Amino acid sequence: MAPWLQNKAFTRVLCSPALRARQTCELAGLGADRVIEADLAEWDYGDYEGRRSDEIHQQRPDWSVWRDGCPGGEMPAQISQRADRLLTRLRGFTGNIALFSHGQFGPALAARWIGLPIGDGQHFALSPASLSILAQEPDHPEITAITLWNARPRGIDGPMIE
């Protein structure tokens, strides 16, 4: 990611407290400016931490994290509240803001950014080390948009950026 980001100016660099997000931030060349943001943490999977969806489906065939949440962890309404709380703070900043988060919280944040219910985040596939841009229409800042989603370097599956 460093080549994509090296010529961009960021007024803020916010990062999940998780080690993998902090490492990605470092590798992207933005670690020196990062501020740990607890609201960027991955979904708390509670009793399902470390379990794969297919394992959970053996006990709960119709389970969906987006609808049912996780016992002992976070429920979709809590994720929605956390995303909304973060977005309220982000709207108070100006300039480009870099966020380093996770594969399920990122789609949740995107869904809430454009006003969708949290469950619609399941339709935003997000790959590791990908770049997405949540923006506002320049002439209509009340209109939010996703202007880039899940972009990856040339040679890796997915939309490419150079």
C-alpha atoms as a PDB file:
ATOM      1  CA  MET A   1       0.000   0.000   0.000  1.00  0.00           C
ATOM      2  CA  ALA A   2       2.890   2.376   0.618  1.00  0.00           C
ATOM      3  CA  PRO A   3       3.303   3.339  -3.067  1.00  0.00           C
ATOM      4  CA  TRP A   4      -0.402   4.207  -3.318  1.00  0.00           C
ATOM      5  CA  LEU A   5      -0.345   6.376  -0.236  1.00  0.00           C
ATOM      6  CA  GLN A   6       3.097   7.995  -0.294  1.00  0.00           C
ATOM      7  CA  ASN A   7       2.000  11.112  -2.197  1.00  0.00           C
ATOM      8  CA  LYS A   8      -1.257  11.620  -0.311  1.00  0.00           C
ATOM      9  CA  ALA A   9      -1.566  14.065   2.550  1.00  0.00           C
ATOM     10  CA  PHE A  10      -3.579  12.834   5.533  1.00  0.00           C
ATOM     11  CA  THR A  11      -4.844  15.103   8.281  1.00  0.00           C
ATOM     12  CA  ARG A  12      -5.437  12.050  10.478  1.00  0.00           C
ATOM     13  CA  VAL A  13      -4.325   8.430  10.531  1.00  0.00           C
ATOM     14  CA  LEU A  14      -6.546   6.281  12.730  1.00  0.00           C
ATOM     15  CA  CYS A  15      -5.842   2.641  13.428  1.00  0.00           C
ATOM     16  CA  SER A  16      -7.519  -0.253  15.179  1.00  0.00           C
ATOM     17  CA  PRO A  17      -5.690  -1.348  18.324  1.00  0.00           C
ATOM     18  CA  ALA A  18      -5.185  -4.848  16.860  1.00  0.00           C
ATOM     19  CA  LEU A  19      -1.611  -5.798  16.027  1.00  0.00           C
ATOM     20  CA  ARG A  20      -2.402  -6.741  12.423  1.00  0.00           C
ATOM     21  CA  ALA A  21      -3.951  -3.321  11.750  1.00  0.00           C
ATOM     22  CA  ARG A  22      -0.995  -1.548  13.370  1.00  0.00           C
ATOM     23  CA  GLN A  23       1.423  -3.607  11.279  1.00  0.00           C
ATOM     24  CA  THR A  24      -0.498  -2.795   8.092  1.00  0.00           C
ATOM     25  CA  CYS A  25      -0.402   0.884   9.000  1.00  0.00           C
ATOM     26  CA  GLU A  26       3.371   0.642   9.470  1.00  0.00           C
ATOM     27  CA  LEU A  27       3.852  -1.196   6.175  1.00  0.00           C
ATOM     28  CA  ALA A  28       1.739   1.466   4.451  1.00  0.00           C
ATOM     29  CA  GLY A  29       4.224   4.065   5.646  1.00  0.00           C
ATOM     30  CA  LEU A  30       1.801   5.855   7.963  1.00  0.00           C
ATOM     31  CA  GLY A  31       2.720   4.345  11.322  1.00  0.00           C
ATOM     32  CA  ALA A  32       4.507   7.446  12.600  1.00  0.00           C
ATOM     33  CA  ASP A  33       1.287   9.468  12.376  1.00  0.00           C
ATOM     34  CA  ARG A  34      -1.181   6.887  13.616  1.00  0.00           C
ATOM     35  CA  VAL A  35      -3.542   7.337  16.516  1.00  0.00           C
ATOM     36  CA  ILE A  36      -5.134   4.228  17.996  1.00  0.00           C
ATOM     37  CA  GLU A  37      -8.912   4.369  17.625  1.00  0.00           C
ATOM     38  CA  ALA A  38     -10.799   1.765  19.651  1.00  0.00           C
ATOM     39  CA  ASP A  39     -13.918   2.116  17.499  1.00  0.00           C
ATOM     40  CA  LEU A  40     -11.994   0.696  14.498  1.00  0.00           C
ATOM     41  CA  ALA A  41     -11.565  -2.669  16.262  1.00  0.00           C
ATOM     42  CA  GLU A  42     -12.819  -5.814  14.578  1.00  0.00           C
ATOM     43  CA  TRP A  43     -16.224  -7.205  15.481  1.00  0.00           C
ATOM     44  CA  ASP A  44     -16.024  -8.869  18.912  1.00  0.00           C
ATOM     45  CA  TYR A  45     -16.871 -12.497  18.115  1.00  0.00           C
ATOM     46  CA  GLY A  46     -17.217 -13.497  21.767  1.00  0.00           C
ATOM     47  CA  ASP A  47     -17.921 -17.215  22.067  1.00  0.00           C
ATOM     48  CA  TYR A  48     -17.317 -17.592  18.315  1.00  0.00           C
ATOM     49  CA  GLU A  49     -13.780 -16.147  18.372  1.00  0.00           C
ATOM     50  CA  GLY A  50     -11.457 -18.394  16.374  1.00  0.00           C
ATOM     51  CA  ARG A  51     -14.297 -20.440  14.913  1.00  0.00           C
ATOM     52  CA  ARG A  52     -15.053 -20.589  11.214  1.00  0.00           C
ATOM     53  CA  SER A  53     -18.532 -19.883   9.884  1.00  0.00           C
ATOM     54  CA  ASP A  54     -18.924 -23.458   8.616  1.00  0.00           C
ATOM     55  CA  GLU A  55     -18.262 -24.752  12.156  1.00  0.00           C
ATOM     56  CA  ILE A  56     -20.863 -22.410  13.635  1.00  0.00           C
ATOM     57  CA  HIS A  57     -23.351 -23.447  10.938  1.00  0.00           C
ATOM     58  CA  GLN A  58     -23.094 -27.049  12.116  1.00  0.00           C
ATOM     59  CA  GLN A  59     -24.779 -25.939  15.359  1.00  0.00           C
ATOM     60  CA  ARG A  60     -26.757 -22.980  13.957  1.00  0.00           C
ATOM     61  CA  PRO A  61     -27.430 -23.606  10.245  1.00  0.00           C
ATOM     62  CA  ASP A  62     -29.108 -20.256   9.609  1.00  0.00           C
ATOM     63  CA  TRP A  63     -26.653 -18.123  11.636  1.00  0.00           C
ATOM     64  CA  SER A  64     -25.367 -14.844  10.209  1.00  0.00           C
ATOM     65  CA  VAL A  65     -23.083 -12.492  12.125  1.00  0.00           C
ATOM     66  CA  TRP A  66     -24.793  -9.623  10.299  1.00  0.00           C
ATOM     67  CA  ARG A  67     -28.224 -10.608  11.617  1.00  0.00           C
ATOM     68  CA  ASP A  68     -27.534 -12.609  14.778  1.00  0.00           C
ATOM     69  CA  GLY A  69     -24.263 -11.267  16.136  1.00  0.00           C
ATOM     70  CA  CYS A  70     -22.152 -13.333  18.487  1.00  0.00           C
ATOM     71  CA  PRO A  71     -23.048 -14.695  21.926  1.00  0.00           C
ATOM     72  CA  GLY A  72     -20.675 -13.213  24.483  1.00  0.00           C
ATOM     73  CA  GLY A  73     -19.569 -10.662  21.862  1.00  0.00           C
ATOM     74  CA  GLU A  74     -21.105  -7.869  19.840  1.00  0.00           C
ATOM     75  CA  MET A  75     -24.542  -7.782  18.278  1.00  0.00           C
ATOM     76  CA  PRO A  76     -25.313  -5.991  14.996  1.00  0.00           C
ATOM     77  CA  ALA A  77     -26.967  -3.062  16.809  1.00  0.00           C
ATOM     78  CA  GLN A  78     -23.781  -2.542  18.832  1.00  0.00           C
ATOM     79  CA  ILE A  79     -21.643  -2.575  15.675  1.00  0.00           C
ATOM     80  CA  SER A  80     -24.008  -0.076  14.081  1.00  0.00           C
ATOM     81  CA  GLN A  81     -23.771   2.213  17.114  1.00  0.00           C
ATOM     82  CA  ARG A  82     -19.979   1.951  17.123  1.00  0.00           C
ATOM     83  CA  ALA A  83     -19.755   2.728  13.395  1.00  0.00           C
ATOM     84  CA  ASP A  84     -22.155   5.668  13.750  1.00  0.00           C
ATOM     85  CA  ARG A  85     -20.196   7.030  16.718  1.00  0.00           C
ATOM     86  CA  LEU A  86     -16.969   6.881  14.709  1.00  0.00           C
ATOM     87  CA  LEU A  87     -18.562   8.439  11.636  1.00  0.00           C
ATOM     88  CA  THR A  88     -19.902  11.329  13.713  1.00  0.00           C
ATOM     89  CA  ARG A  89     -16.356  12.078  14.884  1.00  0.00           C
ATOM     90  CA  LEU A  90     -14.898  11.668  11.385  1.00  0.00           C
ATOM     91  CA  ARG A  91     -17.364  14.161   9.940  1.00  0.00           C
ATOM     92  CA  GLY A  92     -15.880  16.757  12.292  1.00  0.00           C
ATOM     93  CA  PHE A  93     -12.461  16.507  10.605  1.00  0.00           C
ATOM     94  CA  THR A  94     -11.326  18.028   7.336  1.00  0.00           C
ATOM     95  CA  GLY A  95      -8.975  16.627   4.721  1.00  0.00           C
ATOM     96  CA  ASN A  96      -8.075  13.034   3.949  1.00  0.00           C
ATOM     97  CA  ILE A  97      -8.294  10.568   6.815  1.00  0.00           C
ATOM     98  CA  ALA A  98      -6.649   7.153   6.651  1.00  0.00           C
ATOM     99  CA  LEU A  99      -8.354   4.338   8.556  1.00  0.00           C
ATOM    100  CA  PHE A 100      -6.837   0.936   9.265  1.00  0.00           C
ATOM    101  CA  SER A 101      -9.455  -1.565  10.343  1.00  0.00           C
ATOM    102  CA  HIS A 102     -10.712  -5.082   9.622  1.00  0.00           C
ATOM    103  CA  GLY A 103     -12.574  -7.323   7.195  1.00  0.00           C
ATOM    104  CA  GLN A 104     -15.968  -7.168   8.867  1.00  0.00           C
ATOM    105  CA  PHE A 105     -15.888  -3.805  10.551  1.00  0.00           C
ATOM    106  CA  GLY A 106     -14.811  -2.104   7.304  1.00  0.00           C
ATOM    107  CA  PRO A 107     -17.938  -3.215   5.431  1.00  0.00           C
ATOM    108  CA  ALA A 108     -20.074  -2.289   8.444  1.00  0.00           C
ATOM    109  CA  LEU A 109     -18.564   1.201   8.406  1.00  0.00           C
ATOM    110  CA  ALA A 110     -19.139   1.529   4.657  1.00  0.00           C
ATOM    111  CA  ALA A 111     -22.780   0.486   4.961  1.00  0.00           C
ATOM    112  CA  ARG A 112     -23.423   3.036   7.688  1.00  0.00           C
ATOM    113  CA  TRP A 113     -21.467   5.732   5.755  1.00  0.00           C
ATOM    114  CA  ILE A 114     -23.993   5.570   2.923  1.00  0.00           C
ATOM    115  CA  GLY A 115     -26.964   5.181   5.250  1.00  0.00           C
ATOM    116  CA  LEU A 116     -27.630   1.480   4.845  1.00  0.00           C
ATOM    117  CA  PRO A 117     -28.642  -0.828   7.700  1.00  0.00           C
ATOM    118  CA  ILE A 118     -25.729  -2.658   9.282  1.00  0.00           C
ATOM    119  CA  GLY A 119     -26.836  -6.002   7.791  1.00  0.00           C
ATOM    120  CA  ASP A 120     -26.192  -4.661   4.299  1.00  0.00           C
ATOM    121  CA  GLY A 121     -22.482  -4.648   5.135  1.00  0.00           C
ATOM    122  CA  GLN A 122     -22.484  -8.349   4.244  1.00  0.00           C
ATOM    123  CA  HIS A 123     -22.630  -7.325   0.577  1.00  0.00           C
ATOM    124  CA  PHE A 124     -19.300  -5.445   0.702  1.00  0.00           C
ATOM    125  CA  ALA A 125     -16.555  -8.054   0.355  1.00  0.00           C
ATOM    126  CA  LEU A 126     -13.257  -6.699   1.660  1.00  0.00           C
ATOM    127  CA  SER A 127      -9.840  -8.265   1.086  1.00  0.00           C
ATOM    128  CA  PRO A 128      -6.778  -7.870   3.302  1.00  0.00           C
ATOM    129  CA  ALA A 129      -4.457  -4.976   2.392  1.00  0.00           C
ATOM    130  CA  SER A 130      -6.996  -3.411   0.075  1.00  0.00           C
ATOM    131  CA  LEU A 131      -7.833   0.238  -0.390  1.00  0.00           C
ATOM    132  CA  SER A 132     -11.335   1.692  -0.207  1.00  0.00           C
ATOM    133  CA  ILE A 133     -12.433   5.313  -0.256  1.00  0.00           C
ATOM    134  CA  LEU A 134     -15.475   6.684   1.519  1.00  0.00           C
ATOM    135  CA  ALA A 135     -16.118  10.222   0.348  1.00  0.00           C
ATOM    136  CA  GLN A 136     -18.570  13.067   0.114  1.00  0.00           C
ATOM    137  CA  GLU A 137     -19.750  14.655  -3.098  1.00  0.00           C
ATOM    138  CA  PRO A 138     -17.720  17.894  -3.367  1.00  0.00           C
ATOM    139  CA  ASP A 139     -20.672  20.094  -4.343  1.00  0.00           C
ATOM    140  CA  HIS A 140     -23.083  18.274  -2.028  1.00  0.00           C
ATOM    141  CA  PRO A 141     -21.248  17.235   1.175  1.00  0.00           C
ATOM    142  CA  GLU A 142     -24.464  15.824   2.601  1.00  0.00           C
ATOM    143  CA  ILE A 143     -24.265  13.090  -0.062  1.00  0.00           C
ATOM    144  CA  THR A 144     -21.934  10.286   0.937  1.00  0.00           C
ATOM    145  CA  ALA A 145     -20.441   7.866  -1.573  1.00  0.00           C
ATOM    146  CA  ILE A 146     -18.091   4.939  -1.897  1.00  0.00           C
ATOM    147  CA  THR A 147     -15.707   6.055  -4.640  1.00  0.00           C
ATOM    148  CA  LEU A 148     -13.351   3.059  -4.488  1.00  0.00           C
ATOM    149  CA  TRP A 149     -13.849  -0.345  -2.931  1.00  0.00           C
ATOM    150  CA  ASN A 150     -11.505  -3.269  -2.289  1.00  0.00           C
ATOM    151  CA  ALA A 151      -8.768  -2.103  -4.676  1.00  0.00           C
ATOM    152  CA  ARG A 152      -5.572  -4.124  -4.687  1.00  0.00           C
ATOM    153  CA  PRO A 153      -2.194  -3.841  -6.403  1.00  0.00           C
ATOM    154  CA  ARG A 154      -1.767  -5.059  -9.975  1.00  0.00           C
ATOM    155  CA  GLY A 155      -1.210  -8.795 -10.037  1.00  0.00           C
ATOM    156  CA  ILE A 156      -3.592  -9.548  -7.173  1.00  0.00           C
ATOM    157  CA  ASP A 157      -7.244 -10.437  -7.850  1.00  0.00           C
ATOM    158  CA  GLY A 158      -9.699  -7.571  -7.606  1.00  0.00           C
ATOM    159  CA  PRO A 159      -9.876  -4.022  -8.952  1.00  0.00           C
ATOM    160  CA  MET A 160      -6.387  -2.757  -9.658  1.00  0.00           C
ATOM    161  CA  ILE A 161      -4.749   0.530  -8.893  1.00  0.00           C
ATOM    162  CA  GLU A 162      -1.328   1.635  -9.957  1.00  0.00           C
END
